[in-house]
Amino acid sequence: NYTVSTESGLEITTNYVLDATGRRPNVNGIGLEEAGVNFTTRGIQVDEYLRTNIPNVYASGDVLDKVIPKLTPTATFESNYIAAHILGMDKNPITYPAIPSVLYTLPRLSN
């Protein structure tokens, strides 16, 4: 058994502990400040067309401040959308398809 203690003082005894930290965008030291691109600790801020606050500067992938899962297929989808938008082939805001999420664990926690 494991005992997990929270900052508030709550203690929980359990058989398993799962730590899911997610991905943190690497936005420091890449010149965003100098370029004037808006970003937070959550990533680069973009509009519904994946444009930053600087005209003609787009962003995609793990570095975005977004709620969509930061997965390789999502980044590929975003990059293809940006290319189509720039070429005038897609004038609509980005619309994501259904994005499945799966969690793999050892030992298996469910069937």
PDB file of N, CA and C in Angstrom:
ATOM      1  N   ASN A   1       0.834  -1.198   0.000  1.00  0.00           N
ATOM      2  CA  ASN A   1       0.000   0.000   0.000  1.00  0.00           C
ATOM      3  C   ASN A   1       0.870   1.250   0.000  1.00  0.00           C
ATOM      4  N   TYR A   2       0.309   2.319  -0.535  1.00  0.00           N
ATOM      5  CA  TYR A   2       0.978   3.616  -0.565  1.00  0.00           C
ATOM      6  C   TYR A   2       0.099   4.619   0.155  1.00  0.00           C
ATOM      7  N   THR A   3       0.730   5.556   0.829  1.00  0.00           N
ATOM      8  CA  THR A   3       0.000   6.659   1.435  1.00  0.00           C
ATOM      9  C   THR A   3       0.404   7.939   0.715  1.00  0.00           C
ATOM     10  N   VAL A   4      -0.589   8.618   0.159  1.00  0.00           N
ATOM     11  CA  VAL A   4      -0.375   9.872  -0.557  1.00  0.00           C
ATOM     12  C   VAL A   4      -0.861  11.000   0.327  1.00  0.00           C
ATOM     13  N   SER A   5      -0.008  12.011   0.523  1.00  0.00           N
ATOM     14  CA  SER A   5      -0.375  13.178   1.332  1.00  0.00           C
ATOM     15  C   SER A   5      -0.484  14.393   0.432  1.00  0.00           C
ATOM     16  N   THR A   6      -1.596  15.110   0.528  1.00  0.00           N
ATOM     17  CA  THR A   6      -1.798  16.319  -0.270  1.00  0.00           C
ATOM     18  C   THR A   6      -1.289  17.533   0.497  1.00  0.00           C
ATOM     19  N   GLU A   7      -1.149  18.645  -0.204  1.00  0.00           N
ATOM     20  CA  GLU A   7      -0.710  19.883   0.436  1.00  0.00           C
ATOM     21  C   GLU A   7      -1.682  20.339   1.516  1.00  0.00           C
ATOM     22  N   SER A   8      -2.956  20.011   1.359  1.00  0.00           N
ATOM     23  CA  SER A   8      -3.960  20.431   2.346  1.00  0.00           C
ATOM     24  C   SER A   8      -3.963  19.537   3.585  1.00  0.00           C
ATOM     25  N   GLY A   9      -3.136  18.468   3.560  1.00  0.00           N
ATOM     26  CA  GLY A   9      -3.065  17.596   4.714  1.00  0.00           C
ATOM     27  C   GLY A   9      -3.876  16.316   4.601  1.00  0.00           C
ATOM     28  N   LEU A  10      -4.623  16.161   3.538  1.00  0.00           N
ATOM     29  CA  LEU A  10      -5.407  14.948   3.321  1.00  0.00           C
ATOM     30  C   LEU A  10      -4.458  13.786   3.056  1.00  0.00           C
ATOM     31  N   GLU A  11      -4.702  12.641   3.678  1.00  0.00           N
ATOM     32  CA  GLU A  11      -3.907  11.449   3.431  1.00  0.00           C
ATOM     33  C   GLU A  11      -4.807  10.349   2.875  1.00  0.00           C
ATOM     34  N   ILE A  12      -4.352   9.726   1.796  1.00  0.00           N
ATOM     35  CA  ILE A  12      -5.116   8.675   1.135  1.00  0.00           C
ATOM     36  C   ILE A  12      -4.227   7.440   1.048  1.00  0.00           C
ATOM     37  N   THR A  13      -4.731   6.308   1.491  1.00  0.00           N
ATOM     38  CA  THR A  13      -4.018   5.044   1.364  1.00  0.00           C
ATOM     39  C   THR A  13      -4.600   4.291   0.179  1.00  0.00           C
ATOM     40  N   THR A  14      -3.708   3.814  -0.704  1.00  0.00           N
ATOM     41  CA  THR A  14      -4.151   3.178  -1.935  1.00  0.00           C
ATOM     42  C   THR A  14      -3.183   2.078  -2.348  1.00  0.00           C
ATOM     43  N   ASN A  15      -3.599   1.254  -3.285  1.00  0.00           N
ATOM     44  CA  ASN A  15      -2.736   0.210  -3.833  1.00  0.00           C
ATOM     45  C   ASN A  15      -1.910   0.707  -5.014  1.00  0.00           C
ATOM     46  N   TYR A  16      -2.409   1.747  -5.689  1.00  0.00           N
ATOM     47  CA  TYR A  16      -1.749   2.265  -6.876  1.00  0.00           C
ATOM     48  C   TYR A  16      -1.652   3.780  -6.815  1.00  0.00           C
ATOM     49  N   VAL A  17      -0.576   4.321  -7.407  1.00  0.00           N
ATOM     50  CA  VAL A  17      -0.419   5.766  -7.558  1.00  0.00           C
ATOM     51  C   VAL A  17      -0.140   6.020  -9.035  1.00  0.00           C
ATOM     52  N   LEU A  18      -0.928   6.888  -9.638  1.00  0.00           N
ATOM     53  CA  LEU A  18      -0.758   7.255 -11.037  1.00  0.00           C
ATOM     54  C   LEU A  18      -0.394   8.728 -11.092  1.00  0.00           C
ATOM     55  N   ASP A  19       0.720   9.038 -11.718  1.00  0.00           N
ATOM     56  CA  ASP A  19       1.167  10.418 -11.857  1.00  0.00           C
ATOM     57  C   ASP A  19       1.117  10.773 -13.334  1.00  0.00           C
ATOM     58  N   ALA A  20       0.233  11.685 -13.712  1.00  0.00           N
ATOM     59  CA  ALA A  20       0.112  12.129 -15.098  1.00  0.00           C
ATOM     60  C   ALA A  20       0.402  13.618 -15.148  1.00  0.00           C
ATOM     61  N   THR A  21       1.581  13.974 -15.606  1.00  0.00           N
ATOM     62  CA  THR A  21       2.006  15.366 -15.572  1.00  0.00           C
ATOM     63  C   THR A  21       1.708  16.126 -16.850  1.00  0.00           C
ATOM     64  N   GLY A  22       1.525  15.439 -17.956  1.00  0.00           N
ATOM     65  CA  GLY A  22       1.259  16.128 -19.215  1.00  0.00           C
ATOM     66  C   GLY A  22       2.528  16.692 -19.824  1.00  0.00           C
ATOM     67  N   ARG A  23       2.361  17.532 -20.804  1.00  0.00           N
ATOM     68  CA  ARG A  23       3.496  18.136 -21.502  1.00  0.00           C
ATOM     69  C   ARG A  23       3.548  19.619 -21.198  1.00  0.00           C
ATOM     70  N   ARG A  24       4.750  20.100 -21.003  1.00  0.00           N
ATOM     71  CA  ARG A  24       4.941  21.535 -20.786  1.00  0.00           C
ATOM     72  C   ARG A  24       5.590  22.130 -22.026  1.00  0.00           C
ATOM     73  N   PRO A  25       5.023  23.220 -22.530  1.00  0.00           N
ATOM     74  CA  PRO A  25       5.595  23.820 -23.741  1.00  0.00           C
ATOM     75  C   PRO A  25       6.954  24.458 -23.455  1.00  0.00           C
ATOM     76  N   ASN A  26       7.882  24.294 -24.363  1.00  0.00           N
ATOM     77  CA  ASN A  26       9.198  24.904 -24.239  1.00  0.00           C
ATOM     78  C   ASN A  26       9.162  26.245 -24.980  1.00  0.00           C
ATOM     79  N   VAL A  27       8.799  27.293 -24.270  1.00  0.00           N
ATOM     80  CA  VAL A  27       8.662  28.620 -24.893  1.00  0.00           C
ATOM     81  C   VAL A  27       9.759  29.582 -24.447  1.00  0.00           C
ATOM     82  N   ASN A  28      10.640  29.135 -23.580  1.00  0.00           N
ATOM     83  CA  ASN A  28      11.683  30.025 -23.062  1.00  0.00           C
ATOM     84  C   ASN A  28      12.937  29.966 -23.923  1.00  0.00           C
ATOM     85  N   GLY A  29      13.522  31.125 -24.135  1.00  0.00           N
ATOM     86  CA  GLY A  29      14.790  31.200 -24.833  1.00  0.00           C
ATOM     87  C   GLY A  29      14.738  30.958 -26.325  1.00  0.00           C
ATOM     88  N   ILE A  30      13.566  31.078 -26.941  1.00  0.00           N
ATOM     89  CA  ILE A  30      13.477  30.866 -28.398  1.00  0.00           C
ATOM     90  C   ILE A  30      13.159  32.162 -29.147  1.00  0.00           C
ATOM     91  N   GLY A  31      13.234  33.286 -28.445  1.00  0.00           N
ATOM     92  CA  GLY A  31      13.086  34.577 -29.103  1.00  0.00           C
ATOM     93  C   GLY A  31      11.676  35.121 -29.184  1.00  0.00           C
ATOM     94  N   LEU A  32      10.735  34.506 -28.459  1.00  0.00           N
ATOM     95  CA  LEU A  32       9.353  34.995 -28.514  1.00  0.00           C
ATOM     96  C   LEU A  32       9.237  36.412 -27.962  1.00  0.00           C
ATOM     97  N   GLU A  33       9.975  36.696 -26.893  1.00  0.00           N
ATOM     98  CA  GLU A  33       9.924  38.044 -26.305  1.00  0.00           C
ATOM     99  C   GLU A  33      10.387  39.082 -27.319  1.00  0.00           C
ATOM    100  N   GLU A  34      11.528  38.797 -27.975  1.00  0.00           N
ATOM    101  CA  GLU A  34      12.097  39.736 -28.943  1.00  0.00           C
ATOM    102  C   GLU A  34      11.178  39.942 -30.143  1.00  0.00           C
ATOM    103  N   ALA A  35      10.483  38.883 -30.539  1.00  0.00           N
ATOM    104  CA  ALA A  35       9.570  38.965 -31.682  1.00  0.00           C
ATOM    105  C   ALA A  35       8.239  39.600 -31.305  1.00  0.00           C
ATOM    106  N   GLY A  36       7.945  39.656 -29.996  1.00  0.00           N
ATOM    107  CA  GLY A  36       6.685  40.237 -29.547  1.00  0.00           C
ATOM    108  C   GLY A  36       5.518  39.261 -29.581  1.00  0.00           C
ATOM    109  N   VAL A  37       5.793  37.952 -29.653  1.00  0.00           N
ATOM    110  CA  VAL A  37       4.739  36.941 -29.694  1.00  0.00           C
ATOM    111  C   VAL A  37       4.213  36.719 -28.276  1.00  0.00           C
ATOM    112  N   ASN A  38       2.899  36.763 -28.122  1.00  0.00           N
ATOM    113  CA  ASN A  38       2.273  36.567 -26.814  1.00  0.00           C
ATOM    114  C   ASN A  38       2.298  35.097 -26.418  1.00  0.00           C
ATOM    115  N   PHE A  39       2.749  34.832 -25.175  1.00  0.00           N
ATOM    116  CA  PHE A  39       2.756  33.477 -24.647  1.00  0.00           C
ATOM    117  C   PHE A  39       2.656  33.528 -23.134  1.00  0.00           C
ATOM    118  N   THR A  40       2.282  32.383 -22.561  1.00  0.00           N
ATOM    119  CA  THR A  40       2.222  32.226 -21.106  1.00  0.00           C
ATOM    120  C   THR A  40       2.984  30.949 -20.768  1.00  0.00           C
ATOM    121  N   THR A  41       2.959  30.567 -19.505  1.00  0.00           N
ATOM    122  CA  THR A  41       3.585  29.297 -19.126  1.00  0.00           C
ATOM    123  C   THR A  41       2.851  28.113 -19.750  1.00  0.00           C
ATOM    124  N   ARG A  42       1.628  28.334 -20.229  1.00  0.00           N
ATOM    125  CA  ARG A  42       0.850  27.265 -20.889  1.00  0.00           C
ATOM    126  C   ARG A  42       1.181  27.145 -22.371  1.00  0.00           C
ATOM    127  N   GLY A  43       1.876  28.128 -22.944  1.00  0.00           N
ATOM    128  CA  GLY A  43       2.262  28.056 -24.347  1.00  0.00           C
ATOM    129  C   GLY A  43       1.973  29.331 -25.116  1.00  0.00           C
ATOM    130  N   ILE A  44       2.180  29.251 -26.428  1.00  0.00           N
ATOM    131  CA  ILE A  44       1.958  30.387 -27.326  1.00  0.00           C
ATOM    132  C   ILE A  44       0.459  30.570 -27.530  1.00  0.00           C
ATOM    133  N   GLN A  45       0.017  31.803 -27.419  1.00  0.00           N
ATOM    134  CA  GLN A  45      -1.401  32.108 -27.587  1.00  0.00           C
ATOM    135  C   GLN A  45      -1.696  32.315 -29.070  1.00  0.00           C
ATOM    136  N   VAL A  46      -2.740  31.633 -29.550  1.00  0.00           N
ATOM    137  CA  VAL A  46      -3.150  31.734 -30.950  1.00  0.00           C
ATOM    138  C   VAL A  46      -4.652  31.961 -31.030  1.00  0.00           C
ATOM    139  N   ASP A  47      -5.108  32.411 -32.199  1.00  0.00           N
ATOM    140  CA  ASP A  47      -6.544  32.567 -32.423  1.00  0.00           C
ATOM    141  C   ASP A  47      -7.113  31.295 -33.043  1.00  0.00           C
ATOM    142  N   GLU A  48      -8.338  31.360 -33.510  1.00  0.00           N
ATOM    143  CA  GLU A  48      -9.006  30.172 -34.063  1.00  0.00           C
ATOM    144  C   GLU A  48      -8.449  29.747 -35.422  1.00  0.00           C
ATOM    145  N   TYR A  49      -7.486  30.522 -35.945  1.00  0.00           N
ATOM    146  CA  TYR A  49      -6.805  30.173 -37.186  1.00  0.00           C
ATOM    147  C   TYR A  49      -5.354  29.768 -36.919  1.00  0.00           C
ATOM    148  N   LEU A  50      -5.011  29.613 -35.640  1.00  0.00           N
ATOM    149  CA  LEU A  50      -3.665  29.279 -35.171  1.00  0.00           C
ATOM    150  C   LEU A  50      -2.656  30.378 -35.464  1.00  0.00           C
ATOM    151  N   ARG A  51      -3.150  31.614 -35.576  1.00  0.00           N
ATOM    152  CA  ARG A  51      -2.274  32.777 -35.775  1.00  0.00           C
ATOM    153  C   ARG A  51      -1.920  33.357 -34.419  1.00  0.00           C
ATOM    154  N   THR A  52      -0.677  33.777 -34.289  1.00  0.00           N
ATOM    155  CA  THR A  52      -0.269  34.494 -33.085  1.00  0.00           C
ATOM    156  C   THR A  52      -0.726  35.936 -33.208  1.00  0.00           C
ATOM    157  N   ASN A  53      -0.343  36.760 -32.246  1.00  0.00           N
ATOM    158  CA  ASN A  53      -0.689  38.178 -32.298  1.00  0.00           C
ATOM    159  C   ASN A  53       0.136  38.946 -33.335  1.00  0.00           C
ATOM    160  N   ILE A  54       1.135  38.307 -33.917  1.00  0.00           N
ATOM    161  CA  ILE A  54       1.975  38.927 -34.944  1.00  0.00           C
ATOM    162  C   ILE A  54       1.465  38.478 -36.313  1.00  0.00           C
ATOM    163  N   PRO A  55       1.169  39.414 -37.214  1.00  0.00           N
ATOM    164  CA  PRO A  55       0.659  39.040 -38.539  1.00  0.00           C
ATOM    165  C   PRO A  55       1.586  38.047 -39.243  1.00  0.00           C
ATOM    166  N   ASN A  56       0.994  37.052 -39.852  1.00  0.00           N
ATOM    167  CA  ASN A  56       1.700  36.031 -40.628  1.00  0.00           C
ATOM    168  C   ASN A  56       2.606  35.119 -39.804  1.00  0.00           C
ATOM    169  N   VAL A  57       2.419  35.071 -38.487  1.00  0.00           N
ATOM    170  CA  VAL A  57       3.160  34.129 -37.648  1.00  0.00           C
ATOM    171  C   VAL A  57       2.156  33.168 -37.035  1.00  0.00           C
ATOM    172  N   TYR A  58       2.294  31.907 -37.391  1.00  0.00           N
ATOM    173  CA  TYR A  58       1.417  30.850 -36.910  1.00  0.00           C
ATOM    174  C   TYR A  58       2.192  29.958 -35.940  1.00  0.00           C
ATOM    175  N   ALA A  59       1.470  29.171 -35.169  1.00  0.00           N
ATOM    176  CA  ALA A  59       2.098  28.192 -34.284  1.00  0.00           C
ATOM    177  C   ALA A  59       1.243  26.936 -34.251  1.00  0.00           C
ATOM    178  N   SER A  60       1.899  25.789 -34.043  1.00  0.00           N
ATOM    179  CA  SER A  60       1.171  24.525 -33.947  1.00  0.00           C
ATOM    180  C   SER A  60       1.929  23.572 -33.045  1.00  0.00           C
ATOM    181  N   GLY A  61       1.225  22.546 -32.600  1.00  0.00           N
ATOM    182  CA  GLY A  61       1.857  21.484 -31.837  1.00  0.00           C
ATOM    183  C   GLY A  61       1.868  21.700 -30.337  1.00  0.00           C
ATOM    184  N   ASP A  62       2.817  21.034 -29.686  1.00  0.00           N
ATOM    185  CA  ASP A  62       2.901  21.018 -28.224  1.00  0.00           C
ATOM    186  C   ASP A  62       3.111  22.399 -27.613  1.00  0.00           C
ATOM    187  N   VAL A  63       3.575  23.340 -28.376  1.00  0.00           N
ATOM    188  CA  VAL A  63       3.906  24.659 -27.847  1.00  0.00           C
ATOM    189  C   VAL A  63       2.686  25.574 -27.697  1.00  0.00           C
ATOM    190  N   LEU A  64       1.521  25.140 -28.197  1.00  0.00           N
ATOM    191  CA  LEU A  64       0.317  25.975 -28.132  1.00  0.00           C
ATOM    192  C   LEU A  64      -0.302  25.995 -26.742  1.00  0.00           C
ATOM    193  N   ASP A  65      -0.887  27.120 -26.390  1.00  0.00           N
ATOM    194  CA  ASP A  65      -1.723  27.239 -25.194  1.00  0.00           C
ATOM    195  C   ASP A  65      -3.125  26.835 -25.631  1.00  0.00           C
ATOM    196  N   LYS A  66      -3.448  25.535 -25.448  1.00  0.00           N
ATOM    197  CA  LYS A  66      -4.713  25.003 -25.951  1.00  0.00           C
ATOM    198  C   LYS A  66      -5.216  23.899 -25.040  1.00  0.00           C
ATOM    199  N   VAL A  67      -6.503  23.578 -25.178  1.00  0.00           N
ATOM    200  CA  VAL A  67      -7.086  22.495 -24.396  1.00  0.00           C
ATOM    201  C   VAL A  67      -7.112  21.185 -25.183  1.00  0.00           C
ATOM    202  N   ILE A  68      -6.907  21.252 -26.483  1.00  0.00           N
ATOM    203  CA  ILE A  68      -6.849  20.056 -27.322  1.00  0.00           C
ATOM    204  C   ILE A  68      -5.631  19.240 -26.895  1.00  0.00           C
ATOM    205  N   PRO A  69      -5.744  17.903 -26.837  1.00  0.00           N
ATOM    206  CA  PRO A  69      -4.588  17.087 -26.436  1.00  0.00           C
ATOM    207  C   PRO A  69      -3.353  17.367 -27.293  1.00  0.00           C
ATOM    208  N   LYS A  70      -2.210  17.418 -26.633  1.00  0.00           N
ATOM    209  CA  LYS A  70      -0.945  17.692 -27.317  1.00  0.00           C
ATOM    210  C   LYS A  70      -0.326  16.368 -27.760  1.00  0.00           C
ATOM    211  N   LEU A  71      -0.805  15.887 -28.904  1.00  0.00           N
ATOM    212  CA  LEU A  71      -0.391  14.608 -29.457  1.00  0.00           C
ATOM    213  C   LEU A  71       0.220  14.824 -30.832  1.00  0.00           C
ATOM    214  N   THR A  72       1.065  13.902 -31.280  1.00  0.00           N
ATOM    215  CA  THR A  72       1.692  14.019 -32.599  1.00  0.00           C
ATOM    216  C   THR A  72       0.660  14.137 -33.717  1.00  0.00           C
ATOM    217  N   PRO A  73      -0.401  13.308 -33.751  1.00  0.00           N
ATOM    218  CA  PRO A  73      -1.392  13.470 -34.825  1.00  0.00           C
ATOM    219  C   PRO A  73      -2.095  14.826 -34.788  1.00  0.00           C
ATOM    220  N   THR A  74      -2.273  15.378 -33.596  1.00  0.00           N
ATOM    221  CA  THR A  74      -2.897  16.702 -33.477  1.00  0.00           C
ATOM    222  C   THR A  74      -1.988  17.766 -34.076  1.00  0.00           C
ATOM    223  N   ALA A  75      -0.697  17.690 -33.785  1.00  0.00           N
ATOM    224  CA  ALA A  75       0.263  18.650 -34.332  1.00  0.00           C
ATOM    225  C   ALA A  75       0.322  18.555 -35.848  1.00  0.00           C
ATOM    226  N   THR A  76       0.279  17.345 -36.374  1.00  0.00           N
ATOM    227  CA  THR A  76       0.276  17.151 -37.825  1.00  0.00           C
ATOM    228  C   THR A  76      -0.980  17.752 -38.440  1.00  0.00           C
ATOM    229  N   PHE A  77      -2.131  17.514 -37.805  1.00  0.00           N
ATOM    230  CA  PHE A  77      -3.392  18.073 -38.279  1.00  0.00           C
ATOM    231  C   PHE A  77      -3.313  19.606 -38.302  1.00  0.00           C
ATOM    232  N   GLU A  78      -2.769  20.196 -37.228  1.00  0.00           N
ATOM    233  CA  GLU A  78      -2.652  21.657 -37.146  1.00  0.00           C
ATOM    234  C   GLU A  78      -1.731  22.199 -38.234  1.00  0.00           C
ATOM    235  N   SER A  79      -0.606  21.529 -38.460  1.00  0.00           N
ATOM    236  CA  SER A  79       0.337  21.990 -39.484  1.00  0.00           C
ATOM    237  C   SER A  79      -0.268  21.905 -40.877  1.00  0.00           C
ATOM    238  N   ASN A  80      -1.006  20.840 -41.152  1.00  0.00           N
ATOM    239  CA  ASN A  80      -1.691  20.731 -42.448  1.00  0.00           C
ATOM    240  C   ASN A  80      -2.752  21.816 -42.596  1.00  0.00           C
ATOM    241  N   TYR A  81      -3.464  22.114 -41.500  1.00  0.00           N
ATOM    242  CA  TYR A  81      -4.468  23.178 -41.527  1.00  0.00           C
ATOM    243  C   TYR A  81      -3.803  24.524 -41.836  1.00  0.00           C
ATOM    244  N   ILE A  82      -2.682  24.812 -41.162  1.00  0.00           N
ATOM    245  CA  ILE A  82      -1.984  26.090 -41.380  1.00  0.00           C
ATOM    246  C   ILE A  82      -1.569  26.220 -42.841  1.00  0.00           C
ATOM    247  N   ALA A  83      -1.013  25.160 -43.417  1.00  0.00           N
ATOM    248  CA  ALA A  83      -0.603  25.209 -44.830  1.00  0.00           C
ATOM    249  C   ALA A  83      -1.797  25.493 -45.728  1.00  0.00           C
ATOM    250  N   ALA A  84      -2.917  24.805 -45.486  1.00  0.00           N
ATOM    251  CA  ALA A  84      -4.119  25.025 -46.301  1.00  0.00           C
ATOM    252  C   ALA A  84      -4.652  26.442 -46.123  1.00  0.00           C
ATOM    253  N   HIS A  85      -4.569  26.955 -44.898  1.00  0.00           N
ATOM    254  CA  HIS A  85      -5.056  28.319 -44.633  1.00  0.00           C
ATOM    255  C   HIS A  85      -4.186  29.348 -45.356  1.00  0.00           C
ATOM    256  N   ILE A  86      -2.886  29.197 -45.266  1.00  0.00           N
ATOM    257  CA  ILE A  86      -1.969  30.132 -45.922  1.00  0.00           C
ATOM    258  C   ILE A  86      -2.162  30.105 -47.441  1.00  0.00           C
ATOM    259  N   LEU A  87      -2.383  28.910 -48.001  1.00  0.00           N
ATOM    260  CA  LEU A  87      -2.566  28.772 -49.452  1.00  0.00           C
ATOM    261  C   LEU A  87      -3.967  29.147 -49.920  1.00  0.00           C
ATOM    262  N   GLY A  88      -4.836  29.520 -48.975  1.00  0.00           N
ATOM    263  CA  GLY A  88      -6.189  29.923 -49.333  1.00  0.00           C
ATOM    264  C   GLY A  88      -7.129  28.774 -49.591  1.00  0.00           C
ATOM    265  N   MET A  89      -6.726  27.556 -49.245  1.00  0.00           N
ATOM    266  CA  MET A  89      -7.556  26.380 -49.483  1.00  0.00           C
ATOM    267  C   MET A  89      -8.581  26.161 -48.368  1.00  0.00           C
ATOM    268  N   ASP A  90      -8.369  26.788 -47.225  1.00  0.00           N
ATOM    269  CA  ASP A  90      -9.297  26.663 -46.096  1.00  0.00           C
ATOM    270  C   ASP A  90      -9.391  28.009 -45.405  1.00  0.00           C
ATOM    271  N   LYS A  91     -10.505  28.674 -45.570  1.00  0.00           N
ATOM    272  CA  LYS A  91     -10.707  30.004 -44.975  1.00  0.00           C
ATOM    273  C   LYS A  91     -11.400  29.925 -43.620  1.00  0.00           C
ATOM    274  N   ASN A  92     -11.842  28.723 -43.223  1.00  0.00           N
ATOM    275  CA  ASN A  92     -12.588  28.543 -41.974  1.00  0.00           C
ATOM    276  C   ASN A  92     -11.652  28.396 -40.782  1.00  0.00           C
ATOM    277  N   PRO A  93     -12.138  28.724 -39.577  1.00  0.00           N
ATOM    278  CA  PRO A  93     -11.352  28.458 -38.367  1.00  0.00           C
ATOM    279  C   PRO A  93     -11.087  26.953 -38.246  1.00  0.00           C
ATOM    280  N   ILE A  94     -10.027  26.603 -37.549  1.00  0.00           N
ATOM    281  CA  ILE A  94      -9.701  25.185 -37.389  1.00  0.00           C
ATOM    282  C   ILE A  94     -10.819  24.468 -36.636  1.00  0.00           C
ATOM    283  N   THR A  95     -11.167  23.288 -37.120  1.00  0.00           N
ATOM    284  CA  THR A  95     -12.152  22.427 -36.476  1.00  0.00           C
ATOM    285  C   THR A  95     -11.497  21.067 -36.305  1.00  0.00           C
ATOM    286  N   TYR A  96     -11.289  20.689 -35.069  1.00  0.00           N
ATOM    287  CA  TYR A  96     -10.623  19.423 -34.795  1.00  0.00           C
ATOM    288  C   TYR A  96     -11.591  18.258 -34.935  1.00  0.00           C
ATOM    289  N   PRO A  97     -11.118  17.139 -35.461  1.00  0.00           N
ATOM    290  CA  PRO A  97     -11.949  15.931 -35.471  1.00  0.00           C
ATOM    291  C   PRO A  97     -11.972  15.346 -34.055  1.00  0.00           C
ATOM    292  N   ALA A  98     -12.716  14.271 -33.864  1.00  0.00           N
ATOM    293  CA  ALA A  98     -12.693  13.577 -32.579  1.00  0.00           C
ATOM    294  C   ALA A  98     -11.269  13.099 -32.320  1.00  0.00           C
ATOM    295  N   ILE A  99     -10.777  13.342 -31.113  1.00  0.00           N
ATOM    296  CA  ILE A  99      -9.407  12.963 -30.774  1.00  0.00           C
ATOM    297  C   ILE A  99      -9.456  11.954 -29.633  1.00  0.00           C
ATOM    298  N   PRO A 100      -9.150  10.692 -29.938  1.00  0.00           N
ATOM    299  CA  PRO A 100      -9.187   9.682 -28.878  1.00  0.00           C
ATOM    300  C   PRO A 100      -7.998   9.850 -27.940  1.00  0.00           C
ATOM    301  N   SER A 101      -8.206   9.539 -26.694  1.00  0.00           N
ATOM    302  CA  SER A 101      -7.129   9.552 -25.703  1.00  0.00           C
ATOM    303  C   SER A 101      -7.123   8.210 -24.992  1.00  0.00           C
ATOM    304  N   VAL A 102      -5.940   7.672 -24.808  1.00  0.00           N
ATOM    305  CA  VAL A 102      -5.786   6.376 -24.173  1.00  0.00           C
ATOM    306  C   VAL A 102      -4.689   6.482 -23.129  1.00  0.00           C
ATOM    307  N   LEU A 103      -4.874   5.800 -22.030  1.00  0.00           N
ATOM    308  CA  LEU A 103      -3.860   5.758 -20.985  1.00  0.00           C
ATOM    309  C   LEU A 103      -3.416   4.315 -20.819  1.00  0.00           C
ATOM    310  N   TYR A 104      -2.130   4.066 -21.011  1.00  0.00           N
ATOM    311  CA  TYR A 104      -1.584   2.723 -20.839  1.00  0.00           C
ATOM    312  C   TYR A 104      -0.916   2.643 -19.478  1.00  0.00           C
ATOM    313  N   THR A 105      -1.204   1.575 -18.743  1.00  0.00           N
ATOM    314  CA  THR A 105      -0.603   1.406 -17.430  1.00  0.00           C
ATOM    315  C   THR A 105      -0.126  -0.031 -17.262  1.00  0.00           C
ATOM    316  N   LEU A 106       0.862  -0.182 -16.420  1.00  0.00           N
ATOM    317  CA  LEU A 106       1.307  -1.500 -15.975  1.00  0.00           C
ATOM    318  C   LEU A 106       1.343  -1.450 -14.464  1.00  0.00           C
ATOM    319  N   PRO A 107       0.630  -2.256 -13.769  1.00  0.00           N
ATOM    320  CA  PRO A 107      -0.257  -3.284 -14.309  1.00  0.00           C
ATOM    321  C   PRO A 107      -1.522  -2.656 -14.894  1.00  0.00           C
ATOM    322  N   ARG A 108      -2.251  -3.431 -15.686  1.00  0.00           N
ATOM    323  CA  ARG A 108      -3.482  -2.966 -16.307  1.00  0.00           C
ATOM    324  C   ARG A 108      -4.507  -2.634 -15.209  1.00  0.00           C
ATOM    325  N   LEU A 109      -5.121  -1.448 -15.316  1.00  0.00           N
ATOM    326  CA  LEU A 109      -6.080  -1.008 -14.303  1.00  0.00           C
ATOM    327  C   LEU A 109      -7.514  -1.296 -14.684  1.00  0.00           C
ATOM    328  N   SER A 110      -7.782  -1.560 -15.981  1.00  0.00           N
ATOM    329  CA  SER A 110      -9.143  -1.879 -16.403  1.00  0.00           C
ATOM    330  C   SER A 110      -9.079  -2.772 -17.627  1.00  0.00           C
ATOM    331  N   ASN A 111     -10.224  -3.315 -17.995  1.00  0.00           N
ATOM    332  CA  ASN A 111     -10.301  -4.187 -19.186  1.00  0.00           C
ATOM    333  C   ASN A 111     -11.036  -3.491 -20.295  1.00  0.00           C
TER     334      ASN A 111
END
